[in-house]
Amino acid sequence: MSAQHPARPIVAVKPITVPVPVPAPGRSVDLQVKVTAPLTGGNLPVIVFSHGNAWSMDGYEPLVDRWAAAGFVVVQPTHLDSRRNGIGWDDPRFATIWRVRISDLHAVLDGLGGILAQAPGLADRADRDRVAVVGHSWGAQTAGTLLGARVLDADGAPGEDFTHPAVSAGALIAATGTGDSLTPFAVEHLPFMRPDYSTMTTPALVVAGGRDRSQLSTRGPEWFTDAYRLSPSPKSLLAIDEGEHTLGGLAGEKVAETTDEDPARVALVADAVSAYLLDALGIDASGWAAFEKAARDGVGRYVTGK
């Protein structure tokens, strides 16, 4: 299985409603997902993807379609903070949405068999023993908790453990850094943005842009490398010098918040994640080895590991 199959036919099924026996407090709408997968092939590994703030299962096609073409089944939940639900910064539910997001990923993983059964012919082709979580921006912090990261409380004490036994690897794209440099706005509206990566033991790839300057932190682009620097091995870091927060337009073509439109950069991120996960899940190590070599020989990006 190769990390790059951009022309391989894929199919998407949506919306699929996920049964949640005990909905998370504040979730007043159904949890729905989109499933994207190659039309053919078996033993397909699974990616559960967590979107950034305000997005939904309908975003991130440039990433998701490329992952599916590389041989993954990709499941995308729509989190409660999606703009289609109309929950803004001042909504009283917003302070606990980070927990609802984590509950969403757990519900998807716990109900994965039923979800795949609603995509005709896919249940028997997916390998539910090889599952990864991936996220972008807020979604990266969400995914990181399932890899072992915790959230510090107001006193600096680590919160509860949200790891999931089904998850074997992950990738965090533009992940939130530590909370000691939050801006006043972030402190007021996003007090949960205080990840502790010291317990994130699951293998993961961290992707960071060299021009990603967040309005939520007083630090520069290095803030987005904390998930790599402060977590235990095994980890890998892909740093892209020219990348900004959407790294060329991960969420879609001509998206308003994309300030560094570059389809090639999006393909680079997508293929790096595919190659890394194929290696980390024990499927094919050749793609990631080739990617590491290309990064060492290239300009404008580098890969390091521990």
C-alpha atoms as a PDB file:
ATOM      1  CA  MET A   1       0.000   0.000   0.000  1.00  0.00           C
ATOM      2  CA  SER A   2       1.510   3.308  -1.050  1.00  0.00           C
ATOM      3  CA  ALA A   3       1.016   6.686   0.579  1.00  0.00           C
ATOM      4  CA  GLN A   4       0.159   8.380  -2.720  1.00  0.00           C
ATOM      5  CA  HIS A   5      -2.749   7.354  -4.954  1.00  0.00           C
ATOM      6  CA  PRO A   6      -4.257  10.707  -5.998  1.00  0.00           C
ATOM      7  CA  ALA A   7      -6.281   9.199  -8.858  1.00  0.00           C
ATOM      8  CA  ARG A   8      -7.676   6.160  -7.001  1.00  0.00           C
ATOM      9  CA  PRO A   9     -11.520   6.202  -7.046  1.00  0.00           C
ATOM     10  CA  ILE A  10     -13.131   6.942  -3.702  1.00  0.00           C
ATOM     11  CA  VAL A  11     -16.664   7.165  -2.343  1.00  0.00           C
ATOM     12  CA  ALA A  12     -18.235   9.200   0.473  1.00  0.00           C
ATOM     13  CA  VAL A  13     -21.356   8.438   2.498  1.00  0.00           C
ATOM     14  CA  LYS A  14     -23.113  11.083   4.608  1.00  0.00           C
ATOM     15  CA  PRO A  15     -24.800  11.832   6.876  1.00  0.00           C
ATOM     16  CA  ILE A  16     -24.539   8.841   9.174  1.00  0.00           C
ATOM     17  CA  THR A  17     -26.032   9.388  12.613  1.00  0.00           C
ATOM     18  CA  VAL A  18     -24.035   7.888  15.460  1.00  0.00           C
ATOM     19  CA  PRO A  19     -26.104   6.373  18.263  1.00  0.00           C
ATOM     20  CA  VAL A  20     -24.940   7.889  21.555  1.00  0.00           C
ATOM     21  CA  PRO A  21     -26.495   6.028  24.527  1.00  0.00           C
ATOM     22  CA  VAL A  22     -25.625   8.852  26.927  1.00  0.00           C
ATOM     23  CA  PRO A  23     -25.153  12.129  25.020  1.00  0.00           C
ATOM     24  CA  ALA A  24     -22.525  14.459  26.408  1.00  0.00           C
ATOM     25  CA  PRO A  25     -24.007  17.371  28.396  1.00  0.00           C
ATOM     26  CA  GLY A  26     -24.724  20.223  26.017  1.00  0.00           C
ATOM     27  CA  ARG A  27     -25.032  18.094  22.884  1.00  0.00           C
ATOM     28  CA  SER A  28     -28.593  18.900  21.847  1.00  0.00           C
ATOM     29  CA  VAL A  29     -28.177  17.771  18.217  1.00  0.00           C
ATOM     30  CA  ASP A  30     -27.399  14.377  16.742  1.00  0.00           C
ATOM     31  CA  LEU A  31     -23.781  13.377  16.267  1.00  0.00           C
ATOM     32  CA  GLN A  32     -23.341  12.851  12.541  1.00  0.00           C
ATOM     33  CA  VAL A  33     -20.359  11.714  10.506  1.00  0.00           C
ATOM     34  CA  LYS A  34     -19.176  11.436   6.939  1.00  0.00           C
ATOM     35  CA  VAL A  35     -17.293   8.324   5.826  1.00  0.00           C
ATOM     36  CA  THR A  36     -14.895   8.456   2.866  1.00  0.00           C
ATOM     37  CA  ALA A  37     -13.108   5.377   1.551  1.00  0.00           C
ATOM     38  CA  PRO A  38     -11.588   3.828  -1.574  1.00  0.00           C
ATOM     39  CA  LEU A  39     -14.075   2.024  -3.791  1.00  0.00           C
ATOM     40  CA  THR A  40     -12.015  -1.166  -3.720  1.00  0.00           C
ATOM     41  CA  GLY A  41      -9.557  -2.954  -1.507  1.00  0.00           C
ATOM     42  CA  GLY A  42      -9.583  -4.652   1.857  1.00  0.00           C
ATOM     43  CA  ASN A  43      -7.833  -4.450   5.228  1.00  0.00           C
ATOM     44  CA  LEU A  44      -8.252  -0.673   5.079  1.00  0.00           C
ATOM     45  CA  PRO A  45      -6.922   1.208   8.140  1.00  0.00           C
ATOM     46  CA  VAL A  46      -9.182   3.826   9.726  1.00  0.00           C
ATOM     47  CA  ILE A  47      -8.613   7.521  10.442  1.00  0.00           C
ATOM     48  CA  VAL A  48     -11.015   9.378  12.730  1.00  0.00           C
ATOM     49  CA  PHE A  49     -10.581  13.072  11.954  1.00  0.00           C
ATOM     50  CA  SER A  50     -11.432  16.010  14.245  1.00  0.00           C
ATOM     51  CA  HIS A  51     -12.036  19.318  12.470  1.00  0.00           C
ATOM     52  CA  GLY A  52     -10.966  22.789  13.543  1.00  0.00           C
ATOM     53  CA  ASN A  53     -13.259  25.296  15.232  1.00  0.00           C
ATOM     54  CA  ALA A  54     -16.538  26.009  13.377  1.00  0.00           C
ATOM     55  CA  TRP A  55     -15.969  23.431  10.629  1.00  0.00           C
ATOM     56  CA  SER A  56     -17.920  20.228  10.008  1.00  0.00           C
ATOM     57  CA  MET A  57     -17.795  16.840   8.321  1.00  0.00           C
ATOM     58  CA  ASP A  58     -18.118  18.670   4.985  1.00  0.00           C
ATOM     59  CA  GLY A  59     -14.742  20.387   5.263  1.00  0.00           C
ATOM     60  CA  TYR A  60     -11.170  19.229   4.689  1.00  0.00           C
ATOM     61  CA  GLU A  61     -11.853  17.409   1.418  1.00  0.00           C
ATOM     62  CA  PRO A  62      -8.314  18.065   0.100  1.00  0.00           C
ATOM     63  CA  LEU A  63      -6.958  16.059   3.035  1.00  0.00           C
ATOM     64  CA  VAL A  64      -9.643  13.448   3.418  1.00  0.00           C
ATOM     65  CA  ASP A  65      -9.956  12.587  -0.272  1.00  0.00           C
ATOM     66  CA  ARG A  66      -6.208  12.103  -0.542  1.00  0.00           C
ATOM     67  CA  TRP A  67      -6.151   9.869   2.549  1.00  0.00           C
ATOM     68  CA  ALA A  68      -8.974   7.761   1.143  1.00  0.00           C
ATOM     69  CA  ALA A  69      -7.139   7.504  -2.174  1.00  0.00           C
ATOM     70  CA  ALA A  70      -4.116   6.278  -0.202  1.00  0.00           C
ATOM     71  CA  GLY A  71      -6.194   3.421   1.199  1.00  0.00           C
ATOM     72  CA  PHE A  72      -7.726   4.750   4.422  1.00  0.00           C
ATOM     73  CA  VAL A  73     -11.294   4.786   5.652  1.00  0.00           C
ATOM     74  CA  VAL A  74     -11.811   8.306   7.024  1.00  0.00           C
ATOM     75  CA  VAL A  75     -14.583   9.094   9.511  1.00  0.00           C
ATOM     76  CA  GLN A  76     -15.357  12.802  10.086  1.00  0.00           C
ATOM     77  CA  PRO A  77     -17.710  13.811  12.889  1.00  0.00           C
ATOM     78  CA  THR A  78     -19.365  17.226  13.010  1.00  0.00           C
ATOM     79  CA  HIS A  79     -18.581  18.635  16.448  1.00  0.00           C
ATOM     80  CA  LEU A  80     -20.956  20.843  18.414  1.00  0.00           C
ATOM     81  CA  ASP A  81     -18.924  24.001  17.703  1.00  0.00           C
ATOM     82  CA  SER A  82     -19.639  23.712  13.979  1.00  0.00           C
ATOM     83  CA  ARG A  83     -20.924  27.052  12.671  1.00  0.00           C
ATOM     84  CA  ARG A  84     -24.047  25.265  11.446  1.00  0.00           C
ATOM     85  CA  ASN A  85     -25.062  24.852  15.107  1.00  0.00           C
ATOM     86  CA  GLY A  86     -24.775  28.575  15.839  1.00  0.00           C
ATOM     87  CA  ILE A  87     -22.865  28.275  19.117  1.00  0.00           C
ATOM     88  CA  GLY A  88     -20.598  31.308  19.524  1.00  0.00           C
ATOM     89  CA  TRP A  89     -17.935  32.366  22.007  1.00  0.00           C
ATOM     90  CA  ASP A  90     -20.532  33.816  24.398  1.00  0.00           C
ATOM     91  CA  ASP A  91     -22.808  30.761  24.437  1.00  0.00           C
ATOM     92  CA  PRO A  92     -22.746  29.186  27.925  1.00  0.00           C
ATOM     93  CA  ARG A  93     -22.180  25.786  26.301  1.00  0.00           C
ATOM     94  CA  PHE A  94     -18.940  26.893  24.666  1.00  0.00           C
ATOM     95  CA  ALA A  95     -16.871  26.457  27.834  1.00  0.00           C
ATOM     96  CA  THR A  96     -17.582  22.711  27.865  1.00  0.00           C
ATOM     97  CA  ILE A  97     -17.529  21.997  24.129  1.00  0.00           C
ATOM     98  CA  TRP A  98     -13.950  20.716  24.417  1.00  0.00           C
ATOM     99  CA  ARG A  99     -15.324  17.840  26.480  1.00  0.00           C
ATOM    100  CA  VAL A 100     -18.157  17.222  24.022  1.00  0.00           C
ATOM    101  CA  ARG A 101     -15.597  17.036  21.227  1.00  0.00           C
ATOM    102  CA  ILE A 102     -13.680  14.322  23.074  1.00  0.00           C
ATOM    103  CA  SER A 103     -16.918  12.461  23.771  1.00  0.00           C
ATOM    104  CA  ASP A 104     -17.708  12.648  20.043  1.00  0.00           C
ATOM    105  CA  LEU A 105     -14.471  10.865  19.153  1.00  0.00           C
ATOM    106  CA  HIS A 106     -15.086   8.217  21.794  1.00  0.00           C
ATOM    107  CA  ALA A 107     -18.623   7.676  20.508  1.00  0.00           C
ATOM    108  CA  VAL A 108     -17.324   7.260  16.953  1.00  0.00           C
ATOM    109  CA  LEU A 109     -14.679   4.753  18.045  1.00  0.00           C
ATOM    110  CA  ASP A 110     -17.083   2.830  20.261  1.00  0.00           C
ATOM    111  CA  GLY A 111     -19.694   2.739  17.498  1.00  0.00           C
ATOM    112  CA  LEU A 112     -17.337   2.218  14.572  1.00  0.00           C
ATOM    113  CA  GLY A 113     -18.842  -1.113  13.570  1.00  0.00           C
ATOM    114  CA  GLY A 114     -22.337   0.354  13.299  1.00  0.00           C
ATOM    115  CA  ILE A 115     -21.039   3.393  11.422  1.00  0.00           C
ATOM    116  CA  LEU A 116     -19.218   1.307   8.829  1.00  0.00           C
ATOM    117  CA  ALA A 117     -22.249  -0.944   8.444  1.00  0.00           C
ATOM    118  CA  GLN A 118     -24.162   2.067   7.084  1.00  0.00           C
ATOM    119  CA  ALA A 119     -21.638   2.500   4.268  1.00  0.00           C
ATOM    120  CA  PRO A 120     -22.542  -0.342   1.869  1.00  0.00           C
ATOM    121  CA  GLY A 121     -19.850  -2.987   1.574  1.00  0.00           C
ATOM    122  CA  LEU A 122     -17.361  -1.184   3.805  1.00  0.00           C
ATOM    123  CA  ALA A 123     -17.731  -2.998   7.127  1.00  0.00           C
ATOM    124  CA  ASP A 124     -15.944  -6.104   5.849  1.00  0.00           C
ATOM    125  CA  ARG A 125     -13.173  -4.107   4.143  1.00  0.00           C
ATOM    126  CA  ALA A 126     -12.071  -1.956   7.086  1.00  0.00           C
ATOM    127  CA  ASP A 127      -9.381  -3.067   9.523  1.00  0.00           C
ATOM    128  CA  ARG A 128     -10.735  -1.977  12.900  1.00  0.00           C
ATOM    129  CA  ASP A 129      -7.546  -3.147  14.586  1.00  0.00           C
ATOM    130  CA  ARG A 130      -5.583  -0.373  12.855  1.00  0.00           C
ATOM    131  CA  VAL A 131      -7.115   2.933  13.904  1.00  0.00           C
ATOM    132  CA  ALA A 132      -5.575   6.411  14.115  1.00  0.00           C
ATOM    133  CA  VAL A 133      -6.894   9.811  15.195  1.00  0.00           C
ATOM    134  CA  VAL A 134      -5.953  12.998  13.356  1.00  0.00           C
ATOM    135  CA  GLY A 135      -6.966  16.600  13.972  1.00  0.00           C
ATOM    136  CA  HIS A 136      -6.320  20.134  12.818  1.00  0.00           C
ATOM    137  CA  SER A 137      -6.102  23.163  15.127  1.00  0.00           C
ATOM    138  CA  TRP A 138      -8.694  22.691  17.894  1.00  0.00           C
ATOM    139  CA  GLY A 139      -9.240  19.254  16.412  1.00  0.00           C
ATOM    140  CA  ALA A 140      -5.565  18.497  17.016  1.00  0.00           C
ATOM    141  CA  GLN A 141      -5.954  19.270  20.709  1.00  0.00           C
ATOM    142  CA  THR A 142      -9.065  17.067  20.738  1.00  0.00           C
ATOM    143  CA  ALA A 143      -7.290  14.194  19.001  1.00  0.00           C
ATOM    144  CA  GLY A 144      -4.277  14.630  21.257  1.00  0.00           C
ATOM    145  CA  THR A 145      -6.307  13.743  24.344  1.00  0.00           C
ATOM    146  CA  LEU A 146      -7.037  10.324  22.863  1.00  0.00           C
ATOM    147  CA  LEU A 147      -3.293   9.890  22.364  1.00  0.00           C
ATOM    148  CA  GLY A 148      -2.663  10.613  26.050  1.00  0.00           C
ATOM    149  CA  ALA A 149      -2.441  14.400  26.403  1.00  0.00           C
ATOM    150  CA  ARG A 150      -4.376  15.906  29.290  1.00  0.00           C
ATOM    151  CA  VAL A 151      -5.828  19.327  30.032  1.00  0.00           C
ATOM    152  CA  LEU A 152      -4.452  21.294  32.961  1.00  0.00           C
ATOM    153  CA  ASP A 153      -6.957  22.878  35.323  1.00  0.00           C
ATOM    154  CA  ALA A 154      -6.754  26.422  36.706  1.00  0.00           C
ATOM    155  CA  ASP A 155      -4.287  25.255  39.367  1.00  0.00           C
ATOM    156  CA  GLY A 156      -2.061  23.514  36.850  1.00  0.00           C
ATOM    157  CA  ALA A 157      -3.097  19.987  37.800  1.00  0.00           C
ATOM    158  CA  PRO A 158      -3.547  17.457  34.958  1.00  0.00           C
ATOM    159  CA  GLY A 159      -7.147  16.497  34.237  1.00  0.00           C
ATOM    160  CA  GLU A 160      -8.583  13.099  33.468  1.00  0.00           C
ATOM    161  CA  ASP A 161      -7.200  10.522  31.068  1.00  0.00           C
ATOM    162  CA  PHE A 162      -9.176  10.413  27.787  1.00  0.00           C
ATOM    163  CA  THR A 163      -7.103   7.806  25.932  1.00  0.00           C
ATOM    164  CA  HIS A 164      -8.974   5.196  23.911  1.00  0.00           C
ATOM    165  CA  PRO A 165      -7.738   1.593  23.599  1.00  0.00           C
ATOM    166  CA  ALA A 166      -8.637   1.392  19.899  1.00  0.00           C
ATOM    167  CA  VAL A 167      -6.202   4.159  18.920  1.00  0.00           C
ATOM    168  CA  SER A 168      -2.713   3.033  17.911  1.00  0.00           C
ATOM    169  CA  ALA A 169      -1.281   6.221  16.361  1.00  0.00           C
ATOM    170  CA  GLY A 170      -2.148   9.775  15.414  1.00  0.00           C
ATOM    171  CA  ALA A 171      -1.236  13.007  13.690  1.00  0.00           C
ATOM    172  CA  LEU A 172      -1.647  16.509  15.114  1.00  0.00           C
ATOM    173  CA  ILE A 173      -1.729  19.339  12.563  1.00  0.00           C
ATOM    174  CA  ALA A 174      -1.241  22.884  13.915  1.00  0.00           C
ATOM    175  CA  ALA A 175      -1.817  21.678  17.465  1.00  0.00           C
ATOM    176  CA  THR A 176      -2.339  24.106  20.326  1.00  0.00           C
ATOM    177  CA  GLY A 177       0.758  24.752  22.434  1.00  0.00           C
ATOM    178  CA  THR A 178       0.934  25.056  26.200  1.00  0.00           C
ATOM    179  CA  GLY A 179      -1.322  27.516  27.997  1.00  0.00           C
ATOM    180  CA  ASP A 180       1.277  29.651  29.740  1.00  0.00           C
ATOM    181  CA  SER A 181       1.286  32.232  26.935  1.00  0.00           C
ATOM    182  CA  LEU A 182      -2.410  32.617  26.132  1.00  0.00           C
ATOM    183  CA  THR A 183      -3.670  36.061  25.177  1.00  0.00           C
ATOM    184  CA  PRO A 184      -6.330  37.686  27.416  1.00  0.00           C
ATOM    185  CA  PHE A 185      -9.042  36.714  24.893  1.00  0.00           C
ATOM    186  CA  ALA A 186      -7.949  33.068  24.982  1.00  0.00           C
ATOM    187  CA  VAL A 187      -7.746  33.051  28.770  1.00  0.00           C
ATOM    188  CA  GLU A 188     -11.330  34.342  28.940  1.00  0.00           C
ATOM    189  CA  HIS A 189     -12.940  32.228  26.230  1.00  0.00           C
ATOM    190  CA  LEU A 190     -10.650  29.190  25.904  1.00  0.00           C
ATOM    191  CA  PRO A 191      -9.410  28.326  29.410  1.00  0.00           C
ATOM    192  CA  PHE A 192      -9.250  24.648  28.390  1.00  0.00           C
ATOM    193  CA  MET A 193      -6.469  25.470  25.914  1.00  0.00           C
ATOM    194  CA  ARG A 194      -3.868  24.261  28.396  1.00  0.00           C
ATOM    195  CA  PRO A 195      -2.680  20.889  27.111  1.00  0.00           C
ATOM    196  CA  ASP A 196      -0.185  18.770  29.037  1.00  0.00           C
ATOM    197  CA  TYR A 197       1.753  16.675  26.539  1.00  0.00           C
ATOM    198  CA  SER A 198       3.965  14.908  29.070  1.00  0.00           C
ATOM    199  CA  THR A 199       1.588  11.925  29.141  1.00  0.00           C
ATOM    200  CA  MET A 200       1.015  11.689  25.364  1.00  0.00           C
ATOM    201  CA  THR A 201       2.789   8.374  24.861  1.00  0.00           C
ATOM    202  CA  THR A 202       1.028   7.111  21.720  1.00  0.00           C
ATOM    203  CA  PRO A 203       3.115   7.412  18.508  1.00  0.00           C
ATOM    204  CA  ALA A 204       2.233  10.603  16.645  1.00  0.00           C
ATOM    205  CA  LEU A 205       3.300  12.950  13.884  1.00  0.00           C
ATOM    206  CA  VAL A 206       3.180  16.670  14.684  1.00  0.00           C
ATOM    207  CA  VAL A 207       2.863  19.064  11.721  1.00  0.00           C
ATOM    208  CA  ALA A 208       3.692  22.747  12.236  1.00  0.00           C
ATOM    209  CA  GLY A 209       3.963  25.791   9.974  1.00  0.00           C
ATOM    210  CA  GLY A 210       6.912  28.166  10.236  1.00  0.00           C
ATOM    211  CA  ARG A 211       4.642  31.171   9.660  1.00  0.00           C
ATOM    212  CA  ASP A 212       1.763  30.093  11.888  1.00  0.00           C
ATOM    213  CA  ARG A 213       1.257  33.001  14.272  1.00  0.00           C
ATOM    214  CA  SER A 214      -1.788  32.507  16.463  1.00  0.00           C
ATOM    215  CA  GLN A 215      -3.848  35.356  17.893  1.00  0.00           C
ATOM    216  CA  LEU A 216      -4.431  33.104  20.899  1.00  0.00           C
ATOM    217  CA  SER A 217      -0.790  33.015  22.049  1.00  0.00           C
ATOM    218  CA  THR A 218       1.881  35.621  22.640  1.00  0.00           C
ATOM    219  CA  ARG A 219       4.483  33.196  21.318  1.00  0.00           C
ATOM    220  CA  GLY A 220       5.398  32.703  17.683  1.00  0.00           C
ATOM    221  CA  PRO A 221       5.222  29.665  15.394  1.00  0.00           C
ATOM    222  CA  GLU A 222       7.266  27.531  17.793  1.00  0.00           C
ATOM    223  CA  TRP A 223       4.108  27.365  19.973  1.00  0.00           C
ATOM    224  CA  PHE A 224       2.791  24.803  17.523  1.00  0.00           C
ATOM    225  CA  THR A 225       5.760  22.492  18.079  1.00  0.00           C
ATOM    226  CA  ASP A 226       5.051  21.980  21.803  1.00  0.00           C
ATOM    227  CA  ALA A 227       3.166  18.742  21.091  1.00  0.00           C
ATOM    228  CA  TYR A 228       6.412  17.334  19.705  1.00  0.00           C
ATOM    229  CA  ARG A 229       8.928  18.932  22.071  1.00  0.00           C
ATOM    230  CA  LEU A 230       7.067  18.230  25.308  1.00  0.00           C
ATOM    231  CA  SER A 231       5.761  14.721  24.652  1.00  0.00           C
ATOM    232  CA  PRO A 232       7.615  11.446  25.166  1.00  0.00           C
ATOM    233  CA  SER A 233       8.880   9.367  22.259  1.00  0.00           C
ATOM    234  CA  PRO A 234       8.076   7.982  19.798  1.00  0.00           C
ATOM    235  CA  LYS A 235       7.173  11.196  17.957  1.00  0.00           C
ATOM    236  CA  SER A 236       7.993  12.840  14.637  1.00  0.00           C
ATOM    237  CA  LEU A 237       7.822  16.487  13.627  1.00  0.00           C
ATOM    238  CA  LEU A 238       7.193  17.829  10.120  1.00  0.00           C
ATOM    239  CA  ALA A 239       8.016  21.549  10.030  1.00  0.00           C
ATOM    240  CA  ILE A 240       7.040  23.498   6.907  1.00  0.00           C
ATOM    241  CA  ASP A 241       8.801  26.853   6.724  1.00  0.00           C
ATOM    242  CA  GLU A 242       6.221  28.723   4.624  1.00  0.00           C
ATOM    243  CA  GLY A 243       3.153  27.136   6.202  1.00  0.00           C
ATOM    244  CA  GLU A 244       0.542  29.211   8.006  1.00  0.00           C
ATOM    245  CA  HIS A 245      -2.315  27.891  10.121  1.00  0.00           C
ATOM    246  CA  THR A 246      -4.214  26.177   7.303  1.00  0.00           C
ATOM    247  CA  LEU A 247      -0.976  25.010   5.670  1.00  0.00           C
ATOM    248  CA  GLY A 248      -2.010  25.922   2.152  1.00  0.00           C
ATOM    249  CA  GLY A 249      -5.754  25.357   2.479  1.00  0.00           C
ATOM    250  CA  LEU A 250      -6.393  22.091   4.338  1.00  0.00           C
ATOM    251  CA  ALA A 251     -10.073  22.855   4.891  1.00  0.00           C
ATOM    252  CA  GLY A 252     -10.871  23.377   1.213  1.00  0.00           C
ATOM    253  CA  GLU A 253     -10.143  25.343  -1.925  1.00  0.00           C
ATOM    254  CA  LYS A 254     -10.626  29.133  -1.751  1.00  0.00           C
ATOM    255  CA  VAL A 255     -11.591  29.029   1.923  1.00  0.00           C
ATOM    256  CA  ALA A 256     -11.725  32.563   3.322  1.00  0.00           C
ATOM    257  CA  GLU A 257      -9.365  32.005   6.258  1.00  0.00           C
ATOM    258  CA  THR A 258      -6.646  30.495   4.052  1.00  0.00           C
ATOM    259  CA  THR A 259      -3.920  33.118   3.719  1.00  0.00           C
ATOM    260  CA  ASP A 260      -1.291  30.857   2.161  1.00  0.00           C
ATOM    261  CA  GLU A 261      -3.220  29.113  -0.631  1.00  0.00           C
ATOM    262  CA  ASP A 262      -0.989  26.342  -1.963  1.00  0.00           C
ATOM    263  CA  PRO A 263      -2.461  23.004  -3.158  1.00  0.00           C
ATOM    264  CA  ALA A 264       1.018  21.471  -3.280  1.00  0.00           C
ATOM    265  CA  ARG A 265       1.506  22.225   0.414  1.00  0.00           C
ATOM    266  CA  VAL A 266      -1.827  20.586   1.233  1.00  0.00           C
ATOM    267  CA  ALA A 267      -0.808  17.500  -0.743  1.00  0.00           C
ATOM    268  CA  LEU A 268       2.504  17.459   1.123  1.00  0.00           C
ATOM    269  CA  VAL A 269       0.737  17.431   4.497  1.00  0.00           C
ATOM    270  CA  ALA A 270      -1.778  14.810   3.372  1.00  0.00           C
ATOM    271  CA  ASP A 271       0.887  12.500   1.990  1.00  0.00           C
ATOM    272  CA  ALA A 272       3.103  12.932   5.042  1.00  0.00           C
ATOM    273  CA  VAL A 273       0.261  11.901   7.343  1.00  0.00           C
ATOM    274  CA  SER A 274      -0.603   8.915   5.120  1.00  0.00           C
ATOM    275  CA  ALA A 275       2.987   7.741   4.956  1.00  0.00           C
ATOM    276  CA  TYR A 276       3.553   8.198   8.685  1.00  0.00           C
ATOM    277  CA  LEU A 277       0.381   6.342   9.681  1.00  0.00           C
ATOM    278  CA  LEU A 278       1.029   3.455   7.296  1.00  0.00           C
ATOM    279  CA  ASP A 279       4.357   3.054   9.055  1.00  0.00           C
ATOM    280  CA  ALA A 280       3.078   3.601  12.610  1.00  0.00           C
ATOM    281  CA  LEU A 281       0.209   1.150  12.092  1.00  0.00           C
ATOM    282  CA  GLY A 282       2.620  -1.527  10.877  1.00  0.00           C
ATOM    283  CA  ILE A 283       1.370  -1.638   7.280  1.00  0.00           C
ATOM    284  CA  ASP A 284       4.167  -0.200   5.120  1.00  0.00           C
ATOM    285  CA  ALA A 285       7.311   1.580   6.317  1.00  0.00           C
ATOM    286  CA  SER A 286       8.718   2.395   2.875  1.00  0.00           C
ATOM    287  CA  GLY A 287       6.612   5.505   2.238  1.00  0.00           C
ATOM    288  CA  TRP A 288       7.613   7.247   5.462  1.00  0.00           C
ATOM    289  CA  ALA A 289      11.279   6.338   4.985  1.00  0.00           C
ATOM    290  CA  ALA A 290      11.150   7.874   1.505  1.00  0.00           C
ATOM    291  CA  PHE A 291       9.382  10.947   2.852  1.00  0.00           C
ATOM    292  CA  GLU A 292      12.010  11.450   5.544  1.00  0.00           C
ATOM    293  CA  LYS A 293      14.772  11.202   2.946  1.00  0.00           C
ATOM    294  CA  ALA A 294      13.008  13.666   0.625  1.00  0.00           C
ATOM    295  CA  ALA A 295      12.565  16.110   3.514  1.00  0.00           C
ATOM    296  CA  ARG A 296      16.260  15.897   4.368  1.00  0.00           C
ATOM    297  CA  ASP A 297      17.153  16.588   0.752  1.00  0.00           C
ATOM    298  CA  GLY A 298      14.486  19.253   0.178  1.00  0.00           C
ATOM    299  CA  VAL A 299      14.145  22.949   0.888  1.00  0.00           C
ATOM    300  CA  GLY A 300      11.569  24.638   3.092  1.00  0.00           C
ATOM    301  CA  ARG A 301      10.676  21.676   5.269  1.00  0.00           C
ATOM    302  CA  TYR A 302      12.332  19.245   7.600  1.00  0.00           C
ATOM    303  CA  VAL A 303      11.463  16.090   9.519  1.00  0.00           C
ATOM    304  CA  THR A 304      12.897  15.152  12.870  1.00  0.00           C
ATOM    305  CA  GLY A 305      12.060  12.365  15.262  1.00  0.00           C
ATOM    306  CA  LYS A 306      12.652  10.920  18.688  1.00  0.00           C
END
